[in-house]
Amino acid sequence: MLYTFFAFKEIYMKNLLIIFTRVPIEGHTKTRLEDFLSKKDIVLFHKNLIKRLISDVKSQEWDLEVHVTPFEKVNILKEFLPNERYKAQADTNLFEKMEIAISAALKTHDKVALIGSDIYDISAKDIKNAFAALDDNDIVFNPSSDGGYSLVASKINIDGKLNIDFINKSMILDETIKNSNSSRIKCLRIIDDIDTKEDLLYNYFGKNVDFLSEDEIILDGKKIRLDEKIFHDLININNWRNNNEEKNNI
């Protein structure tokens, strides 16, 4: 009986990583890339990104759940990721979805971290750092360059702390921190997601680029034509050069 109690306690105390994702469906995923890639290629890219992300952040040190929308299409994910634990996202706006998911998870786990599925530059080390930072803090963020955040982790109920009326969407993180009414918050290194073609090429080349046309860019003052090999590498996430591990914590 005593062994059963401690076994249950050990399971209960394990941390949880939640990944939010849309099901990769043409016209419904990563739509801001449609001015650069075909809908078919976007779906393939998103599938490859999700597979890579899960492979990079999985660990025996925490549980992992994939929260999906629309959940009735979850079998599309199960076709190429059959062994994951899937749950439906709540039917509301993104920030309230996140609050609901984290609050529910804290009933069975000590600490919870949540990320989106469109992040390339993240690893199990970042997840471990976020959970470790919760030892001395209530909420932890990995900021993104656009003023938001790519990871939120918490050990406290955060109902009403994320889902707020933002005055300035370029200052989502700042306003979220102010709304939390907590001094026990830590921000770790900057991690950006991939929304636009500029984001995509930044992660591929490891540097910002300027577009001259649909298939020609300026990189380090030189013109580069985006040929078939580069598009193949972009879609299949081959030979990407970006690594933000050296960015300082803020």
Protein backbone atom coordinates (compact mmCIF):
# COMPACT_ATOMS: atom_id res chain seq x y z
CA MET A 1 0.00 0.00 0.00
CA LEU A 2 2.84 2.37 0.88
CA TYR A 3 4.58 1.56 -2.44
CA THR A 4 1.34 2.30 -4.33
CA PHE A 5 1.09 5.73 -2.69
CA PHE A 6 4.64 6.73 -3.60
CA ALA A 7 4.25 5.33 -7.13
CA PHE A 8 1.14 7.49 -7.59
CA LYS A 9 2.90 10.52 -6.16
CA GLU A 10 5.83 10.07 -8.56
CA ILE A 11 3.44 9.94 -11.53
CA TYR A 12 1.56 12.98 -10.27
CA MET A 13 4.72 15.02 -9.83
CA LYS A 14 5.93 14.49 -13.40
CA ASN A 15 5.95 17.61 -15.57
CA LEU A 16 3.98 17.98 -18.79
CA LEU A 17 4.79 19.57 -22.15
CA ILE A 18 1.80 20.53 -24.30
CA ILE A 19 2.16 21.19 -28.03
CA PHE A 20 -0.63 23.17 -29.69
CA THR A 21 -1.12 22.52 -33.38
CA ARG A 22 -3.53 22.83 -36.24
CA VAL A 23 -4.04 19.71 -38.31
CA PRO A 24 -2.01 20.12 -41.53
CA ILE A 25 -4.83 20.65 -44.03
CA GLU A 26 -4.50 22.59 -47.29
CA GLY A 27 -5.74 26.15 -46.85
CA HIS A 28 -6.00 25.84 -43.05
CA THR A 29 -2.40 25.71 -41.85
CA LYS A 30 0.44 28.26 -42.06
CA THR A 31 -1.67 30.35 -44.46
CA ARG A 32 0.75 33.30 -44.30
CA LEU A 33 3.19 31.21 -46.33
CA GLU A 34 0.77 30.94 -49.26
CA ASP A 35 2.43 33.87 -51.05
CA PHE A 36 5.62 31.79 -51.17
CA LEU A 37 4.75 28.08 -51.18
CA SER A 38 1.90 26.09 -52.68
CA LYS A 39 -0.78 24.85 -50.29
CA LYS A 40 0.38 21.29 -50.90
CA ASP A 41 3.99 22.19 -50.06
CA ILE A 42 2.87 24.08 -46.94
CA VAL A 43 1.11 20.96 -45.65
CA LEU A 44 4.23 18.87 -46.28
CA PHE A 45 6.42 21.50 -44.61
CA HIS A 46 4.16 21.67 -41.54
CA LYS A 47 4.13 17.88 -41.22
CA ASN A 48 7.93 17.81 -41.34
CA LEU A 49 8.15 20.65 -38.83
CA ILE A 50 5.82 18.90 -36.37
CA LYS A 51 7.74 15.62 -36.66
CA ARG A 52 11.05 17.39 -36.12
CA LEU A 53 9.73 19.41 -33.19
CA ILE A 54 8.36 16.40 -31.34
CA SER A 55 11.59 14.50 -31.91
CA ASP A 56 13.61 17.42 -30.54
CA VAL A 57 11.56 18.10 -27.39
CA LYS A 58 10.65 14.58 -26.28
CA SER A 59 12.19 13.39 -23.03
CA GLN A 60 11.63 10.75 -20.39
CA GLU A 61 11.77 13.58 -17.87
CA TRP A 62 8.28 14.85 -18.80
CA ASP A 63 5.03 13.73 -20.36
CA LEU A 64 3.99 15.08 -23.76
CA GLU A 65 0.53 15.82 -25.18
CA VAL A 66 -0.45 17.18 -28.59
CA HIS A 67 -3.55 19.42 -28.43
CA VAL A 68 -5.26 19.58 -31.78
CA THR A 69 -7.71 21.65 -33.80
CA PRO A 70 -9.90 20.61 -35.53
CA PHE A 71 -9.93 17.44 -33.46
CA GLU A 72 -12.24 15.58 -35.86
CA LYS A 73 -9.30 15.56 -38.31
CA VAL A 74 -6.81 14.16 -35.78
CA ASN A 75 -6.37 10.97 -37.84
CA ILE A 76 -4.31 13.01 -40.32
CA LEU A 77 -1.74 13.51 -37.54
CA LYS A 78 -2.00 9.91 -36.40
CA GLU A 79 -1.03 8.76 -39.90
CA PHE A 80 2.53 10.05 -39.46
CA LEU A 81 2.65 10.38 -35.65
CA PRO A 82 0.72 7.33 -34.43
CA ASN A 83 2.20 7.06 -30.93
CA GLU A 84 1.44 10.47 -29.44
CA ARG A 85 -1.20 11.36 -26.87
CA TYR A 86 -3.80 13.65 -28.50
CA LYS A 87 -6.40 15.95 -26.97
CA ALA A 88 -8.84 18.47 -28.38
CA GLN A 89 -8.25 22.19 -27.93
CA ALA A 90 -11.10 24.12 -26.30
CA ASP A 91 -13.49 25.89 -28.68
CA THR A 92 -12.50 29.48 -27.92
CA ASN A 93 -9.75 32.01 -28.71
CA LEU A 94 -6.08 30.99 -28.56
CA PHE A 95 -5.20 32.60 -25.23
CA GLU A 96 -8.21 31.15 -23.42
CA LYS A 97 -7.43 27.76 -24.99
CA MET A 98 -3.98 27.97 -23.44
CA GLU A 99 -5.34 28.90 -20.02
CA ILE A 100 -7.82 26.01 -20.09
CA ALA A 101 -5.17 23.50 -21.19
CA ILE A 102 -2.63 24.56 -18.56
CA SER A 103 -5.17 24.74 -15.72
CA ALA A 104 -6.51 21.27 -16.53
CA ALA A 105 -2.99 19.82 -16.77
CA LEU A 106 -1.99 21.22 -13.38
CA LYS A 107 -4.56 18.91 -11.78
CA THR A 108 -2.35 15.95 -12.66
CA HIS A 109 1.11 17.49 -13.10
CA ASP A 110 3.32 19.72 -11.00
CA LYS A 111 4.56 21.98 -13.81
CA VAL A 112 3.25 22.56 -17.32
CA ALA A 113 4.89 24.10 -20.39
CA LEU A 114 3.07 24.95 -23.62
CA ILE A 115 4.48 25.66 -27.09
CA GLY A 116 3.17 25.88 -30.64
CA SER A 117 4.04 23.44 -33.41
CA ASP A 118 5.64 26.03 -35.70
CA ILE A 119 8.96 26.44 -33.88
CA TYR A 120 12.22 25.25 -35.40
CA ASP A 121 14.82 26.59 -32.98
CA ILE A 122 13.87 24.79 -29.78
CA SER A 123 15.15 21.68 -28.05
CA ALA A 124 14.64 19.52 -24.97
CA LYS A 125 17.24 21.73 -23.29
CA ASP A 126 14.90 24.73 -23.57
CA ILE A 127 12.02 22.74 -22.07
CA LYS A 128 14.25 21.54 -19.24
CA ASN A 129 15.40 25.12 -18.59
CA ALA A 130 11.79 26.31 -18.42
CA PHE A 131 10.81 23.65 -15.90
CA ALA A 132 13.94 24.37 -13.86
CA ALA A 133 13.16 28.10 -13.82
CA LEU A 134 9.78 27.29 -12.27
CA ASP A 135 11.55 26.14 -9.11
CA ASP A 136 11.96 29.80 -8.17
CA ASN A 137 9.23 31.39 -10.30
CA ASP A 138 5.50 30.99 -10.91
CA ILE A 139 5.45 31.66 -14.66
CA VAL A 140 8.20 31.40 -17.29
CA PHE A 141 8.27 32.69 -20.86
CA ASN A 142 10.47 32.35 -23.90
CA PRO A 143 9.84 35.66 -25.68
CA SER A 144 9.62 36.02 -29.44
CA SER A 145 11.03 38.90 -31.47
CA ASP A 146 7.58 40.18 -32.46
CA GLY A 147 6.65 41.06 -28.87
CA GLY A 148 4.84 37.84 -28.04
CA TYR A 149 6.12 34.56 -26.65
CA SER A 150 6.78 31.10 -28.03
CA LEU A 151 6.71 29.19 -24.72
CA VAL A 152 4.79 29.69 -21.52
CA ALA A 153 5.31 27.49 -18.47
CA SER A 154 3.54 27.62 -15.13
CA LYS A 155 3.11 25.88 -11.81
CA ILE A 156 0.12 28.02 -10.77
CA ASN A 157 -3.40 28.42 -12.10
CA ILE A 158 -3.25 31.10 -14.81
CA ASP A 159 -6.94 31.63 -15.52
CA GLY A 160 -7.41 35.24 -16.63
CA LYS A 161 -3.68 35.89 -16.92
CA LEU A 162 -3.17 35.11 -20.63
CA ASN A 163 -6.58 35.87 -22.13
CA ILE A 164 -6.74 39.66 -21.91
CA ASP A 165 -7.76 42.56 -24.16
CA PHE A 166 -4.43 43.58 -25.64
CA ILE A 167 -3.92 47.31 -26.20
CA ASN A 168 -0.95 46.70 -28.50
CA LYS A 169 -0.47 43.27 -30.11
CA SER A 170 3.23 44.01 -30.58
CA MET A 171 3.53 44.09 -26.77
CA ILE A 172 1.63 40.92 -25.92
CA LEU A 173 4.32 39.65 -23.55
CA ASP A 174 4.68 42.99 -21.73
CA GLU A 175 0.94 43.30 -21.22
CA THR A 176 0.64 39.65 -20.16
CA ILE A 177 3.35 40.11 -17.52
CA LYS A 178 1.65 43.25 -16.18
CA ASN A 179 -1.72 41.48 -16.09
CA SER A 180 -0.32 38.52 -14.16
CA ASN A 181 0.21 40.62 -11.02
CA SER A 182 3.19 38.49 -10.08
CA SER A 183 6.80 39.38 -9.44
CA ARG A 184 7.83 35.73 -9.76
CA ILE A 185 8.16 35.68 -13.55
CA LYS A 186 11.24 34.82 -15.58
CA CYS A 187 11.95 35.35 -19.28
CA LEU A 188 14.46 33.02 -20.92
CA ARG A 189 16.07 33.26 -24.35
CA ILE A 190 14.28 34.52 -27.46
CA ILE A 191 12.75 31.76 -29.60
CA ASP A 192 10.82 32.67 -32.75
CA ASP A 193 8.15 30.73 -34.58
CA ILE A 194 7.76 30.49 -38.35
CA ASP A 195 4.85 32.49 -39.76
CA THR A 196 6.16 34.20 -42.91
CA LYS A 197 8.53 33.54 -45.80
CA GLU A 198 11.03 35.86 -44.10
CA ASP A 199 10.89 33.68 -40.97
CA LEU A 200 11.35 30.59 -43.11
CA LEU A 201 14.41 31.91 -44.91
CA TYR A 202 15.92 33.34 -41.72
CA ASN A 203 15.89 29.86 -40.22
CA TYR A 204 17.29 28.33 -43.40
CA PHE A 205 20.13 30.80 -43.98
CA GLY A 206 20.65 31.81 -40.35
CA LYS A 207 20.42 35.47 -41.37
CA ASN A 208 17.77 37.99 -42.37
CA VAL A 209 17.12 38.33 -46.10
CA ASP A 210 15.44 40.91 -48.35
CA PHE A 211 13.19 39.80 -51.19
CA LEU A 212 13.72 41.17 -54.70
CA SER A 213 11.09 38.88 -56.26
CA GLU A 214 9.32 35.60 -55.52
CA ASP A 215 12.49 33.61 -56.14
CA GLU A 216 15.31 36.11 -55.67
CA ILE A 217 16.71 37.54 -52.44
CA ILE A 218 19.53 39.68 -51.11
CA LEU A 219 21.74 37.96 -48.53
CA ASP A 220 24.88 39.69 -47.22
CA GLY A 221 24.69 42.14 -50.11
CA LYS A 222 24.59 39.39 -52.74
CA LYS A 223 21.75 38.31 -55.00
CA ILE A 224 20.69 34.69 -54.55
CA ARG A 225 18.16 32.86 -56.68
CA LEU A 226 15.96 30.45 -54.78
CA ASP A 227 16.39 27.35 -56.90
CA GLU A 228 14.71 23.95 -56.75
CA LYS A 229 17.24 22.59 -54.26
CA ILE A 230 16.65 25.45 -51.81
CA PHE A 231 12.87 24.98 -51.99
CA HIS A 232 13.34 21.24 -51.45
CA ASP A 233 15.50 21.94 -48.39
CA LEU A 234 13.00 24.47 -47.04
CA ILE A 235 10.04 22.11 -47.29
CA ASN A 236 11.92 19.09 -45.95
CA ILE A 237 13.90 21.03 -43.31
CA ASN A 238 17.28 20.00 -44.69
CA ASN A 239 20.53 21.93 -44.18
CA TRP A 240 18.96 24.68 -42.09
CA ARG A 241 21.61 26.91 -40.54
CA ASN A 242 19.79 28.85 -37.84
CA ASN A 243 20.76 28.12 -34.26
CA ASN A 244 19.84 30.70 -31.64
CA GLU A 245 21.36 28.80 -28.71
CA GLU A 246 23.97 31.54 -28.31
CA LYS A 247 21.37 34.28 -27.79
CA ASN A 248 21.65 35.62 -24.28
CA ASN A 249 18.84 35.26 -21.77
CA ILE A 250 16.93 38.50 -21.29
